[in-house]
């Protein structure tokens, strides 16, 4: 025989009997205390606690706080190191991995007998006719992966060492503020923006490699964040100035990749931190997708010109 339901006093208003219980903690709640939840009703304390916990897990700009803010940075460093070891074990600067992974806007004809030497203005057909020529296809010939793989490719130990130290100091802090997904988006789009600048501004028969464009993108991100929170912008500008000076005073350094990465990182970060709170996540990712489309269009136009 079915027993009739039993009324219990509300835990906040003992003089009011109720048949409703909080779906989260199970305490009796009257009509004045119950708050509609996704399933059933909850008491005011459970709703307040849930809201507080949600805010604690949300970053200031919409991303979820990373349990380990250094995890993505460590993964990026490990990937760069893995590629570098692969190049080292397969011949170093003469490894075929270098020509396959580096950014070659229009491809180039390299000398088989003299490593590092090229035959300028020699296309694929002319290179095949040269007994000493080795044709290395570039983005204009369909090697589109080079636009990103070049940012994970290093030959000299000082090159990868400098970039990875900078990544280690910049990455975890940015991920802690922006969240893992947004930080990774800024890193990769900075690398892509650096490649786009190389495609347009560098010698089409040049070869570019290294994570410097992505690193400059993180400096751009840090500059935007410092400005947004009214932080110490001058220290970031001084650091940026030192890196810019090193870019132009050093030999064989791609200022184009650094410039493109800086602009790309600053632009994407501005989209993330200045997006309005209402529907913020959707607007952020739409803006990020728009930057990717813009870069793809710029690269596509340049590919048509070079092809």
C-alpha atoms as a PDB file:
ATOM      1  CA  UNK A   1       0.000   0.000   0.000  1.00  0.00           C
ATOM      2  CA  UNK A   2       1.462   3.378  -1.024  1.00  0.00           C
ATOM      3  CA  UNK A   3       2.233   5.708   1.877  1.00  0.00           C
ATOM      4  CA  UNK A   4       1.216   9.371   1.496  1.00  0.00           C
ATOM      5  CA  UNK A   5       4.096  11.870   1.183  1.00  0.00           C
ATOM      6  CA  UNK A   6       5.375  13.339   4.424  1.00  0.00           C
ATOM      7  CA  UNK A   7       5.781  17.093   4.863  1.00  0.00           C
ATOM      8  CA  UNK A   8       8.911  18.361   6.611  1.00  0.00           C
ATOM      9  CA  UNK A   9       9.685  21.807   8.037  1.00  0.00           C
ATOM     10  CA  UNK A  10      11.755  24.052   5.762  1.00  0.00           C
ATOM     11  CA  UNK A  11      15.333  24.200   7.032  1.00  0.00           C
ATOM     12  CA  UNK A  12      15.239  28.017   6.849  1.00  0.00           C
ATOM     13  CA  UNK A  13      11.626  28.527   7.905  1.00  0.00           C
ATOM     14  CA  UNK A  14      10.826  25.805  10.500  1.00  0.00           C
ATOM     15  CA  UNK A  15       7.225  26.956  10.768  1.00  0.00           C
ATOM     16  CA  UNK A  16       6.544  26.186   7.090  1.00  0.00           C
ATOM     17  CA  UNK A  17       5.939  22.587   6.057  1.00  0.00           C
ATOM     18  CA  UNK A  18       7.065  21.480   2.590  1.00  0.00           C
ATOM     19  CA  UNK A  19       7.247  18.404   0.390  1.00  0.00           C
ATOM     20  CA  UNK A  20      10.160  19.773  -1.733  1.00  0.00           C
ATOM     21  CA  UNK A  21      13.790  18.939  -1.119  1.00  0.00           C
ATOM     22  CA  UNK A  22      16.945  20.535  -2.549  1.00  0.00           C
ATOM     23  CA  UNK A  23      18.168  18.404  -5.447  1.00  0.00           C
ATOM     24  CA  UNK A  24      21.767  18.993  -4.386  1.00  0.00           C
ATOM     25  CA  UNK A  25      21.901  18.623  -0.581  1.00  0.00           C
ATOM     26  CA  UNK A  26      18.479  17.062   0.123  1.00  0.00           C
ATOM     27  CA  UNK A  27      17.330  19.613   2.722  1.00  0.00           C
ATOM     28  CA  UNK A  28      13.601  20.519   2.807  1.00  0.00           C
ATOM     29  CA  UNK A  29      12.900  23.891   1.156  1.00  0.00           C
ATOM     30  CA  UNK A  30       9.675  25.891   1.059  1.00  0.00           C
ATOM     31  CA  UNK A  31       8.325  27.877  -1.851  1.00  0.00           C
ATOM     32  CA  UNK A  32      10.100  31.018  -0.660  1.00  0.00           C
ATOM     33  CA  UNK A  33      13.500  29.307  -0.505  1.00  0.00           C
ATOM     34  CA  UNK A  34      13.492  27.012  -3.539  1.00  0.00           C
ATOM     35  CA  UNK A  35      15.365  28.220  -6.635  1.00  0.00           C
ATOM     36  CA  UNK A  36      14.780  26.613 -10.013  1.00  0.00           C
ATOM     37  CA  UNK A  37      17.848  24.686 -11.230  1.00  0.00           C
ATOM     38  CA  UNK A  38      18.668  22.706 -14.366  1.00  0.00           C
ATOM     39  CA  UNK A  39      16.959  19.724 -12.727  1.00  0.00           C
ATOM     40  CA  UNK A  40      14.430  20.342  -9.959  1.00  0.00           C
ATOM     41  CA  UNK A  41      15.033  22.968  -7.278  1.00  0.00           C
ATOM     42  CA  UNK A  42      17.975  23.903  -5.069  1.00  0.00           C
ATOM     43  CA  UNK A  43      18.337  25.782  -1.806  1.00  0.00           C
ATOM     44  CA  UNK A  44      19.933  29.260  -1.713  1.00  0.00           C
ATOM     45  CA  UNK A  45      23.183  27.986  -0.123  1.00  0.00           C
ATOM     46  CA  UNK A  46      23.774  25.369  -2.832  1.00  0.00           C
ATOM     47  CA  UNK A  47      23.088  27.916  -5.581  1.00  0.00           C
ATOM     48  CA  UNK A  48      25.520  30.415  -4.007  1.00  0.00           C
ATOM     49  CA  UNK A  49      28.212  27.758  -3.533  1.00  0.00           C
ATOM     50  CA  UNK A  50      27.841  26.558  -7.116  1.00  0.00           C
ATOM     51  CA  UNK A  51      28.093  30.085  -8.489  1.00  0.00           C
ATOM     52  CA  UNK A  52      31.202  30.751  -6.391  1.00  0.00           C
ATOM     53  CA  UNK A  53      32.888  27.551  -7.564  1.00  0.00           C
ATOM     54  CA  UNK A  54      32.057  28.341 -11.174  1.00  0.00           C
ATOM     55  CA  UNK A  55      33.588  31.807 -10.881  1.00  0.00           C
ATOM     56  CA  UNK A  56      36.707  30.340  -9.304  1.00  0.00           C
ATOM     57  CA  UNK A  57      37.203  28.010 -12.271  1.00  0.00           C
ATOM     58  CA  UNK A  58      36.610  30.734 -14.860  1.00  0.00           C
ATOM     59  CA  UNK A  59      39.459  32.897 -16.034  1.00  0.00           C
ATOM     60  CA  UNK A  60      39.127  36.699 -16.205  1.00  0.00           C
ATOM     61  CA  UNK A  61      38.593  36.555 -19.971  1.00  0.00           C
ATOM     62  CA  UNK A  62      36.305  33.561 -20.282  1.00  0.00           C
ATOM     63  CA  UNK A  63      38.696  30.629 -20.466  1.00  0.00           C
ATOM     64  CA  UNK A  64      38.737  27.821 -17.928  1.00  0.00           C
ATOM     65  CA  UNK A  65      41.619  28.043 -15.486  1.00  0.00           C
ATOM     66  CA  UNK A  66      44.252  25.401 -16.167  1.00  0.00           C
ATOM     67  CA  UNK A  67      44.978  22.940 -13.398  1.00  0.00           C
ATOM     68  CA  UNK A  68      48.620  23.070 -14.503  1.00  0.00           C
ATOM     69  CA  UNK A  69      49.304  26.343 -16.372  1.00  0.00           C
ATOM     70  CA  UNK A  70      52.711  25.081 -17.489  1.00  0.00           C
ATOM     71  CA  UNK A  71      51.383  21.939 -19.199  1.00  0.00           C
ATOM     72  CA  UNK A  72      50.858  23.473 -22.642  1.00  0.00           C
ATOM     73  CA  UNK A  73      54.214  25.243 -22.532  1.00  0.00           C
ATOM     74  CA  UNK A  74      55.977  22.003 -21.588  1.00  0.00           C
ATOM     75  CA  UNK A  75      54.233  20.206 -24.459  1.00  0.00           C
ATOM     76  CA  UNK A  76      55.292  22.895 -26.946  1.00  0.00           C
ATOM     77  CA  UNK A  77      58.881  22.781 -25.689  1.00  0.00           C
ATOM     78  CA  UNK A  78      58.878  18.978 -25.930  1.00  0.00           C
ATOM     79  CA  UNK A  79      57.588  19.102 -29.521  1.00  0.00           C
ATOM     80  CA  UNK A  80      60.255  21.610 -30.528  1.00  0.00           C
ATOM     81  CA  UNK A  81      62.928  19.508 -28.833  1.00  0.00           C
ATOM     82  CA  UNK A  82      61.694  16.345 -30.549  1.00  0.00           C
ATOM     83  CA  UNK A  83      61.931  17.951 -33.994  1.00  0.00           C
ATOM     84  CA  UNK A  84      65.386  19.331 -33.177  1.00  0.00           C
ATOM     85  CA  UNK A  85      66.654  15.911 -32.072  1.00  0.00           C
ATOM     86  CA  UNK A  86      65.240  14.376 -35.270  1.00  0.00           C
ATOM     87  CA  UNK A  87      67.108  16.952 -37.360  1.00  0.00           C
ATOM     88  CA  UNK A  88      70.282  16.415 -35.339  1.00  0.00           C
ATOM     89  CA  UNK A  89      70.154  12.632 -35.834  1.00  0.00           C
ATOM     90  CA  UNK A  90      69.526  12.885 -39.585  1.00  0.00           C
ATOM     91  CA  UNK A  91      72.357  15.191 -40.542  1.00  0.00           C
ATOM     92  CA  UNK A  92      71.850  18.520 -38.811  1.00  0.00           C
ATOM     93  CA  UNK A  93      71.792  21.439 -41.256  1.00  0.00           C
ATOM     94  CA  UNK A  94      72.015  19.009 -44.194  1.00  0.00           C
ATOM     95  CA  UNK A  95      69.041  16.922 -42.999  1.00  0.00           C
ATOM     96  CA  UNK A  96      66.151  16.641 -45.428  1.00  0.00           C
ATOM     97  CA  UNK A  97      63.851  17.436 -42.528  1.00  0.00           C
ATOM     98  CA  UNK A  98      65.148  21.018 -42.604  1.00  0.00           C
ATOM     99  CA  UNK A  99      64.067  21.600 -46.200  1.00  0.00           C
ATOM    100  CA  UNK A 100      60.777  19.768 -45.689  1.00  0.00           C
ATOM    101  CA  UNK A 101      59.748  21.584 -42.503  1.00  0.00           C
ATOM    102  CA  UNK A 102      61.249  25.061 -42.985  1.00  0.00           C
ATOM    103  CA  UNK A 103      59.247  27.820 -44.641  1.00  0.00           C
ATOM    104  CA  UNK A 104      60.179  28.151 -48.328  1.00  0.00           C
ATOM    105  CA  UNK A 105      57.800  30.678 -49.938  1.00  0.00           C
ATOM    106  CA  UNK A 106      58.536  29.823 -53.583  1.00  0.00           C
ATOM    107  CA  UNK A 107      60.858  26.833 -53.242  1.00  0.00           C
ATOM    108  CA  UNK A 108      64.540  26.945 -54.088  1.00  0.00           C
ATOM    109  CA  UNK A 109      67.237  25.082 -55.959  1.00  0.00           C
ATOM    110  CA  UNK A 110      69.946  24.001 -53.535  1.00  0.00           C
ATOM    111  CA  UNK A 111      73.445  22.813 -54.356  1.00  0.00           C
ATOM    112  CA  UNK A 112      74.151  19.167 -53.619  1.00  0.00           C
ATOM    113  CA  UNK A 113      77.928  19.684 -53.408  1.00  0.00           C
ATOM    114  CA  UNK A 114      77.924  22.916 -51.410  1.00  0.00           C
ATOM    115  CA  UNK A 115      75.550  22.797 -48.415  1.00  0.00           C
ATOM    116  CA  UNK A 116      73.861  26.154 -47.886  1.00  0.00           C
ATOM    117  CA  UNK A 117      74.477  27.362 -51.440  1.00  0.00           C
ATOM    118  CA  UNK A 118      71.565  27.852 -53.849  1.00  0.00           C
ATOM    119  CA  UNK A 119      71.037  28.534 -57.530  1.00  0.00           C
ATOM    120  CA  UNK A 120      69.045  31.798 -57.491  1.00  0.00           C
ATOM    121  CA  UNK A 121      66.053  32.229 -59.785  1.00  0.00           C
ATOM    122  CA  UNK A 122      66.188  28.594 -60.854  1.00  0.00           C
ATOM    123  CA  UNK A 123      62.729  27.033 -60.945  1.00  0.00           C
ATOM    124  CA  UNK A 124      61.941  23.343 -60.621  1.00  0.00           C
ATOM    125  CA  UNK A 125      62.585  22.659 -64.338  1.00  0.00           C
ATOM    126  CA  UNK A 126      65.869  24.544 -64.466  1.00  0.00           C
ATOM    127  CA  UNK A 127      66.987  22.950 -61.213  1.00  0.00           C
ATOM    128  CA  UNK A 128      66.417  19.467 -62.647  1.00  0.00           C
ATOM    129  CA  UNK A 129      68.651  20.362 -65.612  1.00  0.00           C
ATOM    130  CA  UNK A 130      71.486  21.339 -63.276  1.00  0.00           C
ATOM    131  CA  UNK A 131      73.503  18.293 -62.372  1.00  0.00           C
ATOM    132  CA  UNK A 132      74.268  19.688 -58.931  1.00  0.00           C
ATOM    133  CA  UNK A 133      70.782  21.054 -58.235  1.00  0.00           C
ATOM    134  CA  UNK A 134      68.329  19.700 -55.684  1.00  0.00           C
ATOM    135  CA  UNK A 135      64.842  21.178 -55.866  1.00  0.00           C
ATOM    136  CA  UNK A 136      63.204  21.955 -52.541  1.00  0.00           C
ATOM    137  CA  UNK A 137      59.478  22.592 -52.932  1.00  0.00           C
ATOM    138  CA  UNK A 138      57.905  25.468 -51.023  1.00  0.00           C
ATOM    139  CA  UNK A 139      54.459  26.753 -50.081  1.00  0.00           C
ATOM    140  CA  UNK A 140      53.803  27.933 -53.647  1.00  0.00           C
ATOM    141  CA  UNK A 141      54.197  24.310 -54.785  1.00  0.00           C
ATOM    142  CA  UNK A 142      51.716  22.991 -52.228  1.00  0.00           C
ATOM    143  CA  UNK A 143      53.882  22.475 -49.122  1.00  0.00           C
ATOM    144  CA  UNK A 144      51.376  24.337 -46.965  1.00  0.00           C
ATOM    145  CA  UNK A 145      52.401  22.514 -43.789  1.00  0.00           C
ATOM    146  CA  UNK A 146      55.575  24.609 -43.782  1.00  0.00           C
ATOM    147  CA  UNK A 147      53.532  27.599 -42.621  1.00  0.00           C
ATOM    148  CA  UNK A 148      53.312  25.983 -39.160  1.00  0.00           C
ATOM    149  CA  UNK A 149      56.026  23.302 -39.086  1.00  0.00           C
ATOM    150  CA  UNK A 150      58.659  25.995 -39.626  1.00  0.00           C
ATOM    151  CA  UNK A 151      57.738  27.360 -36.169  1.00  0.00           C
ATOM    152  CA  UNK A 152      58.803  24.037 -34.604  1.00  0.00           C
ATOM    153  CA  UNK A 153      62.034  23.656 -36.581  1.00  0.00           C
ATOM    154  CA  UNK A 154      65.505  24.593 -35.342  1.00  0.00           C
ATOM    155  CA  UNK A 155      69.045  23.591 -36.282  1.00  0.00           C
ATOM    156  CA  UNK A 156      71.491  25.473 -34.038  1.00  0.00           C
ATOM    157  CA  UNK A 157      71.349  24.728 -30.327  1.00  0.00           C
ATOM    158  CA  UNK A 158      71.525  28.435 -29.436  1.00  0.00           C
ATOM    159  CA  UNK A 159      68.459  29.077 -31.593  1.00  0.00           C
ATOM    160  CA  UNK A 160      66.220  26.504 -29.956  1.00  0.00           C
ATOM    161  CA  UNK A 161      67.705  27.295 -26.533  1.00  0.00           C
ATOM    162  CA  UNK A 162      66.899  31.008 -26.737  1.00  0.00           C
ATOM    163  CA  UNK A 163      63.379  30.427 -28.051  1.00  0.00           C
ATOM    164  CA  UNK A 164      62.509  27.734 -25.528  1.00  0.00           C
ATOM    165  CA  UNK A 165      63.777  29.770 -22.570  1.00  0.00           C
ATOM    166  CA  UNK A 166      61.609  32.686 -23.722  1.00  0.00           C
ATOM    167  CA  UNK A 167      58.653  30.323 -24.162  1.00  0.00           C
ATOM    168  CA  UNK A 168      59.153  28.929 -20.668  1.00  0.00           C
ATOM    169  CA  UNK A 169      59.127  32.371 -19.060  1.00  0.00           C
ATOM    170  CA  UNK A 170      56.173  33.701 -21.065  1.00  0.00           C
ATOM    171  CA  UNK A 171      53.902  30.701 -21.601  1.00  0.00           C
ATOM    172  CA  UNK A 172      52.669  29.610 -18.139  1.00  0.00           C
ATOM    173  CA  UNK A 173      51.703  33.120 -17.055  1.00  0.00           C
ATOM    174  CA  UNK A 174      49.751  33.771 -20.242  1.00  0.00           C
ATOM    175  CA  UNK A 175      47.993  30.410 -20.014  1.00  0.00           C
ATOM    176  CA  UNK A 176      47.044  31.071 -16.398  1.00  0.00           C
ATOM    177  CA  UNK A 177      45.338  34.344 -17.387  1.00  0.00           C
ATOM    178  CA  UNK A 178      43.872  33.372 -20.758  1.00  0.00           C
ATOM    179  CA  UNK A 179      43.151  29.672 -20.352  1.00  0.00           C
ATOM    180  CA  UNK A 180      44.701  26.786 -22.264  1.00  0.00           C
ATOM    181  CA  UNK A 181      42.665  26.950 -25.474  1.00  0.00           C
ATOM    182  CA  UNK A 182      43.031  30.706 -25.933  1.00  0.00           C
ATOM    183  CA  UNK A 183      46.741  30.626 -25.127  1.00  0.00           C
ATOM    184  CA  UNK A 184      47.341  27.865 -27.660  1.00  0.00           C
ATOM    185  CA  UNK A 185      45.300  29.761 -30.258  1.00  0.00           C
ATOM    186  CA  UNK A 186      47.437  32.871 -29.725  1.00  0.00           C
ATOM    187  CA  UNK A 187      50.653  30.852 -30.004  1.00  0.00           C
ATOM    188  CA  UNK A 188      49.714  29.060 -33.220  1.00  0.00           C
ATOM    189  CA  UNK A 189      48.144  32.093 -34.899  1.00  0.00           C
ATOM    190  CA  UNK A 190      51.236  34.139 -34.043  1.00  0.00           C
ATOM    191  CA  UNK A 191      53.324  31.492 -35.792  1.00  0.00           C
ATOM    192  CA  UNK A 192      50.984  31.598 -38.803  1.00  0.00           C
ATOM    193  CA  UNK A 193      51.038  35.408 -38.897  1.00  0.00           C
ATOM    194  CA  UNK A 194      54.837  35.314 -38.849  1.00  0.00           C
ATOM    195  CA  UNK A 195      54.784  32.928 -41.811  1.00  0.00           C
ATOM    196  CA  UNK A 196      52.336  35.195 -43.668  1.00  0.00           C
ATOM    197  CA  UNK A 197      54.699  38.153 -43.183  1.00  0.00           C
ATOM    198  CA  UNK A 198      57.603  36.079 -44.483  1.00  0.00           C
ATOM    199  CA  UNK A 199      55.573  35.086 -47.538  1.00  0.00           C
ATOM    200  CA  UNK A 200      54.954  38.750 -48.405  1.00  0.00           C
ATOM    201  CA  UNK A 201      58.040  40.586 -47.168  1.00  0.00           C
ATOM    202  CA  UNK A 202      60.970  38.160 -47.399  1.00  0.00           C
ATOM    203  CA  UNK A 203      62.900  36.929 -50.430  1.00  0.00           C
ATOM    204  CA  UNK A 204      60.680  34.255 -52.054  1.00  0.00           C
ATOM    205  CA  UNK A 205      63.722  31.985 -52.301  1.00  0.00           C
ATOM    206  CA  UNK A 206      64.666  32.363 -48.658  1.00  0.00           C
ATOM    207  CA  UNK A 207      64.353  29.698 -45.991  1.00  0.00           C
ATOM    208  CA  UNK A 208      62.896  30.599 -42.587  1.00  0.00           C
ATOM    209  CA  UNK A 209      62.654  28.462 -39.463  1.00  0.00           C
ATOM    210  CA  UNK A 210      62.267  28.811 -35.715  1.00  0.00           C
ATOM    211  CA  UNK A 211      59.693  29.616 -33.032  1.00  0.00           C
ATOM    212  CA  UNK A 212      60.683  33.283 -32.826  1.00  0.00           C
ATOM    213  CA  UNK A 213      57.498  34.489 -34.553  1.00  0.00           C
ATOM    214  CA  UNK A 214      55.359  32.693 -31.969  1.00  0.00           C
ATOM    215  CA  UNK A 215      57.552  34.032 -29.144  1.00  0.00           C
ATOM    216  CA  UNK A 216      57.143  37.582 -30.450  1.00  0.00           C
ATOM    217  CA  UNK A 217      53.408  36.886 -30.570  1.00  0.00           C
ATOM    218  CA  UNK A 218      53.482  36.134 -26.847  1.00  0.00           C
ATOM    219  CA  UNK A 219      55.340  39.392 -26.232  1.00  0.00           C
ATOM    220  CA  UNK A 220      52.560  41.138 -28.162  1.00  0.00           C
ATOM    221  CA  UNK A 221      49.993  39.317 -26.010  1.00  0.00           C
ATOM    222  CA  UNK A 222      51.774  40.404 -22.830  1.00  0.00           C
ATOM    223  CA  UNK A 223      51.845  44.006 -24.055  1.00  0.00           C
ATOM    224  CA  UNK A 224      48.076  44.019 -24.696  1.00  0.00           C
ATOM    225  CA  UNK A 225      47.359  42.435 -21.305  1.00  0.00           C
ATOM    226  CA  UNK A 226      49.587  44.936 -19.496  1.00  0.00           C
ATOM    227  CA  UNK A 227      47.779  47.808 -21.204  1.00  0.00           C
ATOM    228  CA  UNK A 228      44.350  46.288 -20.459  1.00  0.00           C
ATOM    229  CA  UNK A 229      44.972  45.973 -16.703  1.00  0.00           C
ATOM    230  CA  UNK A 230      46.974  49.229 -16.493  1.00  0.00           C
ATOM    231  CA  UNK A 231      50.102  47.270 -15.633  1.00  0.00           C
ATOM    232  CA  UNK A 232      53.768  48.110 -16.193  1.00  0.00           C
ATOM    233  CA  UNK A 233      53.717  48.582 -19.961  1.00  0.00           C
ATOM    234  CA  UNK A 234      57.155  50.206 -19.959  1.00  0.00           C
ATOM    235  CA  UNK A 235      58.947  47.050 -18.837  1.00  0.00           C
ATOM    236  CA  UNK A 236      57.288  45.078 -21.629  1.00  0.00           C
ATOM    237  CA  UNK A 237      58.241  47.770 -24.165  1.00  0.00           C
ATOM    238  CA  UNK A 238      61.852  47.694 -22.944  1.00  0.00           C
ATOM    239  CA  UNK A 239      61.952  43.922 -23.331  1.00  0.00           C
ATOM    240  CA  UNK A 240      60.371  44.232 -26.773  1.00  0.00           C
ATOM    241  CA  UNK A 241      62.902  46.905 -27.735  1.00  0.00           C
ATOM    242  CA  UNK A 242      65.816  44.668 -26.731  1.00  0.00           C
ATOM    243  CA  UNK A 243      64.451  41.830 -28.850  1.00  0.00           C
ATOM    244  CA  UNK A 244      63.820  44.135 -31.813  1.00  0.00           C
ATOM    245  CA  UNK A 245      67.381  45.465 -31.578  1.00  0.00           C
ATOM    246  CA  UNK A 246      68.724  41.917 -31.474  1.00  0.00           C
ATOM    247  CA  UNK A 247      66.573  41.105 -34.506  1.00  0.00           C
ATOM    248  CA  UNK A 248      68.098  43.824 -36.657  1.00  0.00           C
ATOM    249  CA  UNK A 249      71.657  43.670 -35.294  1.00  0.00           C
ATOM    250  CA  UNK A 250      71.973  39.898 -35.632  1.00  0.00           C
ATOM    251  CA  UNK A 251      72.691  38.169 -38.903  1.00  0.00           C
ATOM    252  CA  UNK A 252      70.323  35.785 -40.641  1.00  0.00           C
ATOM    253  CA  UNK A 253      67.379  36.687 -38.377  1.00  0.00           C
ATOM    254  CA  UNK A 254      63.938  36.970 -39.957  1.00  0.00           C
ATOM    255  CA  UNK A 255      62.600  40.370 -38.945  1.00  0.00           C
ATOM    256  CA  UNK A 256      59.581  39.600 -41.117  1.00  0.00           C
ATOM    257  CA  UNK A 257      58.617  36.579 -39.012  1.00  0.00           C
ATOM    258  CA  UNK A 258      59.154  38.523 -35.773  1.00  0.00           C
ATOM    259  CA  UNK A 259      57.056  41.462 -37.004  1.00  0.00           C
ATOM    260  CA  UNK A 260      54.220  39.242 -38.232  1.00  0.00           C
ATOM    261  CA  UNK A 261      54.174  37.200 -35.026  1.00  0.00           C
ATOM    262  CA  UNK A 262      54.090  40.330 -32.867  1.00  0.00           C
ATOM    263  CA  UNK A 263      51.132  41.795 -34.760  1.00  0.00           C
ATOM    264  CA  UNK A 264      49.279  38.465 -34.854  1.00  0.00           C
ATOM    265  CA  UNK A 265      49.698  37.807 -31.134  1.00  0.00           C
ATOM    266  CA  UNK A 266      48.667  41.329 -30.168  1.00  0.00           C
ATOM    267  CA  UNK A 267      45.610  41.248 -32.450  1.00  0.00           C
ATOM    268  CA  UNK A 268      44.262  37.915 -31.212  1.00  0.00           C
ATOM    269  CA  UNK A 269      44.879  38.847 -27.581  1.00  0.00           C
ATOM    270  CA  UNK A 270      43.014  42.132 -28.082  1.00  0.00           C
ATOM    271  CA  UNK A 271      40.060  40.159 -29.456  1.00  0.00           C
ATOM    272  CA  UNK A 272      40.115  37.900 -26.381  1.00  0.00           C
ATOM    273  CA  UNK A 273      40.488  40.530 -23.653  1.00  0.00           C
ATOM    274  CA  UNK A 274      38.285  43.264 -25.135  1.00  0.00           C
ATOM    275  CA  UNK A 275      35.357  41.036 -26.118  1.00  0.00           C
ATOM    276  CA  UNK A 276      32.180  42.139 -24.280  1.00  0.00           C
ATOM    277  CA  UNK A 277      31.076  39.922 -21.397  1.00  0.00           C
ATOM    278  CA  UNK A 278      27.727  39.174 -22.987  1.00  0.00           C
ATOM    279  CA  UNK A 279      28.183  36.149 -25.260  1.00  0.00           C
ATOM    280  CA  UNK A 280      31.928  36.635 -24.804  1.00  0.00           C
ATOM    281  CA  UNK A 281      33.128  33.148 -25.688  1.00  0.00           C
ATOM    282  CA  UNK A 282      31.275  33.038 -29.001  1.00  0.00           C
ATOM    283  CA  UNK A 283      32.511  36.500 -29.999  1.00  0.00           C
ATOM    284  CA  UNK A 284      36.088  35.600 -29.062  1.00  0.00           C
ATOM    285  CA  UNK A 285      36.165  32.472 -31.197  1.00  0.00           C
ATOM    286  CA  UNK A 286      34.418  34.197 -34.092  1.00  0.00           C
ATOM    287  CA  UNK A 287      37.059  36.917 -33.959  1.00  0.00           C
ATOM    288  CA  UNK A 288      39.883  34.372 -33.782  1.00  0.00           C
ATOM    289  CA  UNK A 289      38.401  32.486 -36.738  1.00  0.00           C
ATOM    290  CA  UNK A 290      38.208  35.774 -38.633  1.00  0.00           C
ATOM    291  CA  UNK A 291      41.936  36.370 -38.111  1.00  0.00           C
ATOM    292  CA  UNK A 292      42.721  32.863 -39.375  1.00  0.00           C
ATOM    293  CA  UNK A 293      40.579  33.434 -42.479  1.00  0.00           C
ATOM    294  CA  UNK A 294      42.298  36.773 -43.120  1.00  0.00           C
ATOM    295  CA  UNK A 295      45.740  35.180 -42.881  1.00  0.00           C
ATOM    296  CA  UNK A 296      44.645  32.325 -45.139  1.00  0.00           C
ATOM    297  CA  UNK A 297      43.428  34.803 -47.758  1.00  0.00           C
ATOM    298  CA  UNK A 298      46.676  36.805 -47.611  1.00  0.00           C
ATOM    299  CA  UNK A 299      48.752  33.659 -47.935  1.00  0.00           C
ATOM    300  CA  UNK A 300      46.542  32.358 -50.752  1.00  0.00           C
ATOM    301  CA  UNK A 301      46.935  35.564 -52.755  1.00  0.00           C
ATOM    302  CA  UNK A 302      50.707  35.434 -52.318  1.00  0.00           C
ATOM    303  CA  UNK A 303      50.803  31.785 -53.352  1.00  0.00           C
ATOM    304  CA  UNK A 304      48.983  32.651 -56.587  1.00  0.00           C
ATOM    305  CA  UNK A 305      51.527  35.382 -57.282  1.00  0.00           C
ATOM    306  CA  UNK A 306      54.518  33.139 -56.621  1.00  0.00           C
ATOM    307  CA  UNK A 307      53.114  30.160 -58.481  1.00  0.00           C
END
